[in-house]
Amino acid sequence: MKNPIVYISAHCPYCPKVQNFASENNIEVEYKNRDDSAIRDELIDIAWKAQVPFLIDANQDLQMHESDDIITHLRKHYT
């Protein structure tokens, strides 16, 4: 099973909400920082925009924006 990937940014007010939820629930997540220009380009290639947080869950073949939706997904599939 692969860990979910979440794209984040230090300037995003919603990213800590997702990070805190994952941490509090011991969910192993791979974080990619959009503040790195190469990661930003990668995110735009995948999601068509640089909006974060952005989840990629290869186990569920799912990609999504929106912190509340990401948390709901993580709760359902990883807790």
PDB file of N, CA and C in Angstrom:
ATOM      1  N   MET A   1       0.843  -1.182   0.000  1.00  0.00           N
ATOM      2  CA  MET A   1       0.000   0.000   0.000  1.00  0.00           C
ATOM      3  C   MET A   1       0.888   1.245   0.000  1.00  0.00           C
ATOM      4  N   LYS A   2       0.567   2.177  -0.858  1.00  0.00           N
ATOM      5  CA  LYS A   2       1.321   3.425  -0.942  1.00  0.00           C
ATOM      6  C   LYS A   2       0.739   4.448   0.025  1.00  0.00           C
ATOM      7  N   ASN A   3       1.610   5.312   0.553  1.00  0.00           N
ATOM      8  CA  ASN A   3       1.132   6.405   1.385  1.00  0.00           C
ATOM      9  C   ASN A   3       0.471   7.451   0.504  1.00  0.00           C
ATOM     10  N   PRO A   4      -0.612   8.063   0.987  1.00  0.00           N
ATOM     11  CA  PRO A   4      -1.199   9.170   0.242  1.00  0.00           C
ATOM     12  C   PRO A   4      -0.188  10.312   0.133  1.00  0.00           C
ATOM     13  N   ILE A   5      -0.282  11.070  -0.925  1.00  0.00           N
ATOM     14  CA  ILE A   5       0.583  12.235  -1.140  1.00  0.00           C
ATOM     15  C   ILE A   5      -0.283  13.476  -0.987  1.00  0.00           C
ATOM     16  N   VAL A   6       0.220  14.449  -0.223  1.00  0.00           N
ATOM     17  CA  VAL A   6      -0.482  15.716  -0.080  1.00  0.00           C
ATOM     18  C   VAL A   6       0.494  16.838  -0.422  1.00  0.00           C
ATOM     19  N   TYR A   7       0.092  17.644  -1.390  1.00  0.00           N
ATOM     20  CA  TYR A   7       0.861  18.834  -1.743  1.00  0.00           C
ATOM     21  C   TYR A   7       0.446  19.945  -0.791  1.00  0.00           C
ATOM     22  N   ILE A   8       1.449  20.628  -0.240  1.00  0.00           N
ATOM     23  CA  ILE A   8       1.219  21.671   0.757  1.00  0.00           C
ATOM     24  C   ILE A   8       2.048  22.907   0.416  1.00  0.00           C
ATOM     25  N   SER A   9       1.844  23.959   1.201  1.00  0.00           N
ATOM     26  CA  SER A   9       2.645  25.172   1.088  1.00  0.00           C
ATOM     27  C   SER A   9       2.712  25.827   2.459  1.00  0.00           C
ATOM     28  N   ALA A  10       3.825  26.467   2.748  1.00  0.00           N
ATOM     29  CA  ALA A  10       3.980  27.178   4.018  1.00  0.00           C
ATOM     30  C   ALA A  10       3.013  28.349   4.117  1.00  0.00           C
ATOM     31  N   HIS A  11       2.515  28.828   2.982  1.00  0.00           N
ATOM     32  CA  HIS A  11       1.639  29.995   2.952  1.00  0.00           C
ATOM     33  C   HIS A  11       0.159  29.628   2.914  1.00  0.00           C
ATOM     34  N   CYS A  12      -0.144  28.356   3.004  1.00  0.00           N
ATOM     35  CA  CYS A  12      -1.514  27.870   2.903  1.00  0.00           C
ATOM     36  C   CYS A  12      -2.138  27.775   4.299  1.00  0.00           C
ATOM     37  N   PRO A  13      -3.242  28.471   4.554  1.00  0.00           N
ATOM     38  CA  PRO A  13      -3.872  28.402   5.873  1.00  0.00           C
ATOM     39  C   PRO A  13      -4.617  27.091   6.127  1.00  0.00           C
ATOM     40  N   TYR A  14      -4.901  26.319   5.075  1.00  0.00           N
ATOM     41  CA  TYR A  14      -5.659  25.080   5.223  1.00  0.00           C
ATOM     42  C   TYR A  14      -4.775  23.839   5.324  1.00  0.00           C
ATOM     43  N   CYS A  15      -3.533  23.947   4.905  1.00  0.00           N
ATOM     44  CA  CYS A  15      -2.632  22.791   4.916  1.00  0.00           C
ATOM     45  C   CYS A  15      -2.373  22.250   6.327  1.00  0.00           C
ATOM     46  N   PRO A  16      -2.145  23.099   7.325  1.00  0.00           N
ATOM     47  CA  PRO A  16      -1.923  22.566   8.678  1.00  0.00           C
ATOM     48  C   PRO A  16      -3.111  21.764   9.201  1.00  0.00           C
ATOM     49  N   LYS A  17      -4.307  22.109   8.770  1.00  0.00           N
ATOM     50  CA  LYS A  17      -5.498  21.358   9.179  1.00  0.00           C
ATOM     51  C   LYS A  17      -5.377  19.896   8.736  1.00  0.00           C
ATOM     52  N   VAL A  18      -4.965  19.676   7.506  1.00  0.00           N
ATOM     53  CA  VAL A  18      -4.785  18.321   6.978  1.00  0.00           C
ATOM     54  C   VAL A  18      -3.599  17.649   7.668  1.00  0.00           C
ATOM     55  N   GLN A  19      -2.504  18.380   7.807  1.00  0.00           N
ATOM     56  CA  GLN A  19      -1.309  17.817   8.442  1.00  0.00           C
ATOM     57  C   GLN A  19      -1.593  17.417   9.888  1.00  0.00           C
ATOM     58  N   ASN A  20      -2.292  18.264  10.624  1.00  0.00           N
ATOM     59  CA  ASN A  20      -2.612  17.953  12.022  1.00  0.00           C
ATOM     60  C   ASN A  20      -3.513  16.737  12.119  1.00  0.00           C
ATOM     61  N   PHE A  21      -4.507  16.641  11.238  1.00  0.00           N
ATOM     62  CA  PHE A  21      -5.396  15.481  11.257  1.00  0.00           C
ATOM     63  C   PHE A  21      -4.604  14.198  11.012  1.00  0.00           C
ATOM     64  N   ALA A  22      -3.757  14.210   9.998  1.00  0.00           N
ATOM     65  CA  ALA A  22      -2.965  13.018   9.675  1.00  0.00           C
ATOM     66  C   ALA A  22      -2.053  12.652  10.838  1.00  0.00           C
ATOM     67  N   SER A  23      -1.418  13.633  11.421  1.00  0.00           N
ATOM     68  CA  SER A  23      -0.507  13.383  12.544  1.00  0.00           C
ATOM     69  C   SER A  23      -1.258  12.829  13.756  1.00  0.00           C
ATOM     70  N   GLU A  24      -2.359  13.454  14.109  1.00  0.00           N
ATOM     71  CA  GLU A  24      -3.145  13.024  15.278  1.00  0.00           C
ATOM     72  C   GLU A  24      -3.711  11.621  15.109  1.00  0.00           C
ATOM     73  N   ASN A  25      -3.892  11.193  13.870  1.00  0.00           N
ATOM     74  CA  ASN A  25      -4.463   9.871  13.600  1.00  0.00           C
ATOM     75  C   ASN A  25      -3.432   8.873  13.096  1.00  0.00           C
ATOM     76  N   ASN A  26      -2.161   9.229  13.229  1.00  0.00           N
ATOM     77  CA  ASN A  26      -1.055   8.352  12.835  1.00  0.00           C
ATOM     78  C   ASN A  26      -1.182   7.836  11.403  1.00  0.00           C
ATOM     79  N   ILE A  27      -1.591   8.718  10.507  1.00  0.00           N
ATOM     80  CA  ILE A  27      -1.700   8.375   9.096  1.00  0.00           C
ATOM     81  C   ILE A  27      -0.405   8.806   8.423  1.00  0.00           C
ATOM     82  N   GLU A  28       0.266   7.859   7.817  1.00  0.00           N
ATOM     83  CA  GLU A  28       1.518   8.173   7.131  1.00  0.00           C
ATOM     84  C   GLU A  28       1.206   8.798   5.778  1.00  0.00           C
ATOM     85  N   VAL A  29       1.645  10.037   5.625  1.00  0.00           N
ATOM     86  CA  VAL A  29       1.392  10.807   4.413  1.00  0.00           C
ATOM     87  C   VAL A  29       2.728  11.312   3.886  1.00  0.00           C
ATOM     88  N   GLU A  30       2.885  11.279   2.588  1.00  0.00           N
ATOM     89  CA  GLU A  30       4.058  11.898   1.958  1.00  0.00           C
ATOM     90  C   GLU A  30       3.666  13.325   1.593  1.00  0.00           C
ATOM     91  N   TYR A  31       4.414  14.295   2.116  1.00  0.00           N
ATOM     92  CA  TYR A  31       4.130  15.690   1.821  1.00  0.00           C
ATOM     93  C   TYR A  31       5.087  16.200   0.757  1.00  0.00           C
ATOM     94  N   LYS A  32       4.550  16.988  -0.167  1.00  0.00           N
ATOM     95  CA  LYS A  32       5.358  17.643  -1.188  1.00  0.00           C
ATOM     96  C   LYS A  32       5.084  19.132  -1.086  1.00  0.00           C
ATOM     97  N   ASN A  33       6.148  19.910  -0.959  1.00  0.00           N
ATOM     98  CA  ASN A  33       6.019  21.340  -0.729  1.00  0.00           C
ATOM     99  C   ASN A  33       5.965  22.104  -2.046  1.00  0.00           C
ATOM    100  N   ARG A  34       4.839  22.701  -2.313  1.00  0.00           N
ATOM    101  CA  ARG A  34       4.619  23.460  -3.537  1.00  0.00           C
ATOM    102  C   ARG A  34       5.522  24.686  -3.632  1.00  0.00           C
ATOM    103  N   ASP A  35       6.116  25.092  -2.523  1.00  0.00           N
ATOM    104  CA  ASP A  35       6.993  26.261  -2.550  1.00  0.00           C
ATOM    105  C   ASP A  35       8.274  26.000  -3.338  1.00  0.00           C
ATOM    106  N   ASP A  36       8.592  24.738  -3.570  1.00  0.00           N
ATOM    107  CA  ASP A  36       9.701  24.348  -4.446  1.00  0.00           C
ATOM    108  C   ASP A  36       9.190  24.456  -5.886  1.00  0.00           C
ATOM    109  N   SER A  37       9.902  25.187  -6.732  1.00  0.00           N
ATOM    110  CA  SER A  37       9.401  25.445  -8.094  1.00  0.00           C
ATOM    111  C   SER A  37       9.189  24.162  -8.903  1.00  0.00           C
ATOM    112  N   ALA A  38      10.037  23.166  -8.718  1.00  0.00           N
ATOM    113  CA  ALA A  38       9.864  21.902  -9.446  1.00  0.00           C
ATOM    114  C   ALA A  38       8.601  21.179  -8.983  1.00  0.00           C
ATOM    115  N   ILE A  39       8.326  21.219  -7.683  1.00  0.00           N
ATOM    116  CA  ILE A  39       7.113  20.594  -7.143  1.00  0.00           C
ATOM    117  C   ILE A  39       5.879  21.369  -7.611  1.00  0.00           C
ATOM    118  N   ARG A  40       5.989  22.692  -7.654  1.00  0.00           N
ATOM    119  CA  ARG A  40       4.878  23.513  -8.150  1.00  0.00           C
ATOM    120  C   ARG A  40       4.552  23.140  -9.597  1.00  0.00           C
ATOM    121  N   ASP A  41       5.570  23.005 -10.424  1.00  0.00           N
ATOM    122  CA  ASP A  41       5.354  22.611 -11.824  1.00  0.00           C
ATOM    123  C   ASP A  41       4.717  21.228 -11.903  1.00  0.00           C
ATOM    124  N   GLU A  42       5.179  20.311 -11.062  1.00  0.00           N
ATOM    125  CA  GLU A  42       4.620  18.950 -11.014  1.00  0.00           C
ATOM    126  C   GLU A  42       3.139  19.014 -10.639  1.00  0.00           C
ATOM    127  N   LEU A  43       2.814  19.812  -9.622  1.00  0.00           N
ATOM    128  CA  LEU A  43       1.430  19.950  -9.179  1.00  0.00           C
ATOM    129  C   LEU A  43       0.554  20.506 -10.295  1.00  0.00           C
ATOM    130  N   ILE A  44       1.017  21.519 -10.981  1.00  0.00           N
ATOM    131  CA  ILE A  44       0.238  22.110 -12.075  1.00  0.00           C
ATOM    132  C   ILE A  44       0.030  21.100 -13.197  1.00  0.00           C
ATOM    133  N   ASP A  45       1.036  20.290 -13.489  1.00  0.00           N
ATOM    134  CA  ASP A  45       0.892  19.248 -14.514  1.00  0.00           C
ATOM    135  C   ASP A  45      -0.193  18.242 -14.135  1.00  0.00           C
ATOM    136  N   ILE A  46      -0.274  17.924 -12.848  1.00  0.00           N
ATOM    137  CA  ILE A  46      -1.226  16.915 -12.374  1.00  0.00           C
ATOM    138  C   ILE A  46      -2.620  17.496 -12.167  1.00  0.00           C
ATOM    139  N   ALA A  47      -2.677  18.635 -11.469  1.00  0.00           N
ATOM    140  CA  ALA A  47      -3.966  19.179 -11.023  1.00  0.00           C
ATOM    141  C   ALA A  47      -4.468  20.340 -11.871  1.00  0.00           C
ATOM    142  N   TRP A  48      -3.682  20.798 -12.808  1.00  0.00           N
ATOM    143  CA  TRP A  48      -4.018  21.906 -13.695  1.00  0.00           C
ATOM    144  C   TRP A  48      -4.037  23.257 -12.991  1.00  0.00           C
ATOM    145  N   LYS A  49      -3.670  23.276 -11.713  1.00  0.00           N
ATOM    146  CA  LYS A  49      -3.546  24.520 -10.956  1.00  0.00           C
ATOM    147  C   LYS A  49      -2.664  24.262  -9.740  1.00  0.00           C
ATOM    148  N   ALA A  50      -2.223  25.324  -9.098  1.00  0.00           N
ATOM    149  CA  ALA A  50      -1.282  25.198  -7.988  1.00  0.00           C
ATOM    150  C   ALA A  50      -1.959  25.229  -6.624  1.00  0.00           C
ATOM    151  N   GLN A  51      -3.264  25.065  -6.589  1.00  0.00           N
ATOM    152  CA  GLN A  51      -4.020  25.125  -5.337  1.00  0.00           C
ATOM    153  C   GLN A  51      -3.632  23.981  -4.408  1.00  0.00           C
ATOM    154  N   VAL A  52      -3.405  24.324  -3.142  1.00  0.00           N
ATOM    155  CA  VAL A  52      -3.129  23.333  -2.101  1.00  0.00           C
ATOM    156  C   VAL A  52      -4.075  23.571  -0.930  1.00  0.00           C
ATOM    157  N   PRO A  53      -4.337  22.547  -0.124  1.00  0.00           N
ATOM    158  CA  PRO A  53      -3.791  21.205  -0.220  1.00  0.00           C
ATOM    159  C   PRO A  53      -4.408  20.434  -1.392  1.00  0.00           C
ATOM    160  N   PHE A  54      -3.634  19.480  -1.869  1.00  0.00           N
ATOM    161  CA  PHE A  54      -4.071  18.612  -2.956  1.00  0.00           C
ATOM    162  C   PHE A  54      -3.633  17.199  -2.630  1.00  0.00           C
ATOM    163  N   LEU A  55      -4.572  16.278  -2.651  1.00  0.00           N
ATOM    164  CA  LEU A  55      -4.326  14.881  -2.294  1.00  0.00           C
ATOM    165  C   LEU A  55      -4.250  14.008  -3.535  1.00  0.00           C
ATOM    166  N   ILE A  56      -3.279  13.105  -3.534  1.00  0.00           N
ATOM    167  CA  ILE A  56      -3.242  12.007  -4.495  1.00  0.00           C
ATOM    168  C   ILE A  56      -3.226  10.721  -3.683  1.00  0.00           C
ATOM    169  N   ASP A  57      -4.236   9.895  -3.874  1.00  0.00           N
ATOM    170  CA  ASP A  57      -4.307   8.606  -3.198  1.00  0.00           C
ATOM    171  C   ASP A  57      -4.330   7.522  -4.275  1.00  0.00           C
ATOM    172  N   ALA A  58      -3.165   6.981  -4.556  1.00  0.00           N
ATOM    173  CA  ALA A  58      -3.042   5.946  -5.594  1.00  0.00           C
ATOM    174  C   ALA A  58      -3.793   4.681  -5.203  1.00  0.00           C
ATOM    175  N   ASN A  59      -3.938   4.422  -3.906  1.00  0.00           N
ATOM    176  CA  ASN A  59      -4.644   3.226  -3.445  1.00  0.00           C
ATOM    177  C   ASN A  59      -6.130   3.271  -3.812  1.00  0.00           C
ATOM    178  N   GLN A  60      -6.688   4.457  -3.874  1.00  0.00           N
ATOM    179  CA  GLN A  60      -8.102   4.627  -4.200  1.00  0.00           C
ATOM    180  C   GLN A  60      -8.292   5.222  -5.594  1.00  0.00           C
ATOM    181  N   ASP A  61      -7.193   5.434  -6.315  1.00  0.00           N
ATOM    182  CA  ASP A  61      -7.225   6.061  -7.635  1.00  0.00           C
ATOM    183  C   ASP A  61      -8.015   7.376  -7.580  1.00  0.00           C
ATOM    184  N   LEU A  62      -7.564   8.255  -6.660  1.00  0.00           N
ATOM    185  CA  LEU A  62      -8.305   9.470  -6.366  1.00  0.00           C
ATOM    186  C   LEU A  62      -7.377  10.664  -6.228  1.00  0.00           C
ATOM    187  N   GLN A  63      -7.843  11.805  -6.700  1.00  0.00           N
ATOM    188  CA  GLN A  63      -7.148  13.076  -6.522  1.00  0.00           C
ATOM    189  C   GLN A  63      -8.187  14.105  -6.120  1.00  0.00           C
ATOM    190  N   MET A  64      -7.825  14.999  -5.182  1.00  0.00           N
ATOM    191  CA  MET A  64      -8.796  16.009  -4.767  1.00  0.00           C
ATOM    192  C   MET A  64      -8.151  17.203  -4.094  1.00  0.00           C
ATOM    193  N   HIS A  65      -8.834  18.333  -4.192  1.00  0.00           N
ATOM    194  CA  HIS A  65      -8.511  19.542  -3.456  1.00  0.00           C
ATOM    195  C   HIS A  65      -9.462  19.623  -2.251  1.00  0.00           C
ATOM    196  N   GLU A  66      -9.326  20.680  -1.489  1.00  0.00           N
ATOM    197  CA  GLU A  66     -10.208  21.030  -0.371  1.00  0.00           C
ATOM    198  C   GLU A  66      -9.871  20.231   0.891  1.00  0.00           C
ATOM    199  N   SER A  67      -9.435  20.955   1.906  1.00  0.00           N
ATOM    200  CA  SER A  67      -8.968  20.329   3.141  1.00  0.00           C
ATOM    201  C   SER A  67     -10.038  19.466   3.806  1.00  0.00           C
ATOM    202  N   ASP A  68     -11.269  19.939   3.878  1.00  0.00           N
ATOM    203  CA  ASP A  68     -12.313  19.144   4.527  1.00  0.00           C
ATOM    204  C   ASP A  68     -12.584  17.847   3.770  1.00  0.00           C
ATOM    205  N   ASP A  69     -12.580  17.902   2.448  1.00  0.00           N
ATOM    206  CA  ASP A  69     -12.782  16.690   1.649  1.00  0.00           C
ATOM    207  C   ASP A  69     -11.620  15.722   1.818  1.00  0.00           C
ATOM    208  N   ILE A  70     -10.416  16.253   1.889  1.00  0.00           N
ATOM    209  CA  ILE A  70      -9.232  15.413   2.092  1.00  0.00           C
ATOM    210  C   ILE A  70      -9.311  14.723   3.445  1.00  0.00           C
ATOM    211  N   ILE A  71      -9.666  15.467   4.478  1.00  0.00           N
ATOM    212  CA  ILE A  71      -9.785  14.886   5.820  1.00  0.00           C
ATOM    213  C   ILE A  71     -10.868  13.818   5.853  1.00  0.00           C
ATOM    214  N   THR A  72     -11.991  14.080   5.240  1.00  0.00           N
ATOM    215  CA  THR A  72     -13.067  13.085   5.178  1.00  0.00           C
ATOM    216  C   THR A  72     -12.575  11.814   4.504  1.00  0.00           C
ATOM    217  N   HIS A  73     -11.855  11.966   3.424  1.00  0.00           N
ATOM    218  CA  HIS A  73     -11.312  10.814   2.707  1.00  0.00           C
ATOM    219  C   HIS A  73     -10.309  10.045   3.577  1.00  0.00           C
ATOM    220  N   LEU A  74      -9.394  10.759   4.201  1.00  0.00           N
ATOM    221  CA  LEU A  74      -8.397  10.099   5.056  1.00  0.00           C
ATOM    222  C   LEU A  74      -9.070   9.375   6.214  1.00  0.00           C
ATOM    223  N   ARG A  75     -10.063  10.010   6.812  1.00  0.00           N
ATOM    224  CA  ARG A  75     -10.790   9.377   7.930  1.00  0.00           C
ATOM    225  C   ARG A  75     -11.443   8.077   7.474  1.00  0.00           C
ATOM    226  N   LYS A  76     -12.070   8.114   6.320  1.00  0.00           N
ATOM    227  CA  LYS A  76     -12.797   6.938   5.818  1.00  0.00           C
ATOM    228  C   LYS A  76     -11.864   5.787   5.459  1.00  0.00           C
ATOM    229  N   HIS A  77     -10.716   6.095   4.866  1.00  0.00           N
ATOM    230  CA  HIS A  77      -9.876   5.029   4.318  1.00  0.00           C
ATOM    231  C   HIS A  77      -8.614   4.705   5.131  1.00  0.00           C
ATOM    232  N   TYR A  78      -8.257   5.557   6.115  1.00  0.00           N
ATOM    233  CA  TYR A  78      -6.992   5.346   6.812  1.00  0.00           C
ATOM    234  C   TYR A  78      -7.085   5.348   8.343  1.00  0.00           C
ATOM    235  N   THR A  79      -8.301   5.449   8.887  1.00  0.00           N
ATOM    236  CA  THR A  79      -8.404   5.378  10.345  1.00  0.00           C
ATOM    237  C   THR A  79      -9.217   4.173  10.747  1.00  0.00           C
TER     238      THR A  79
END
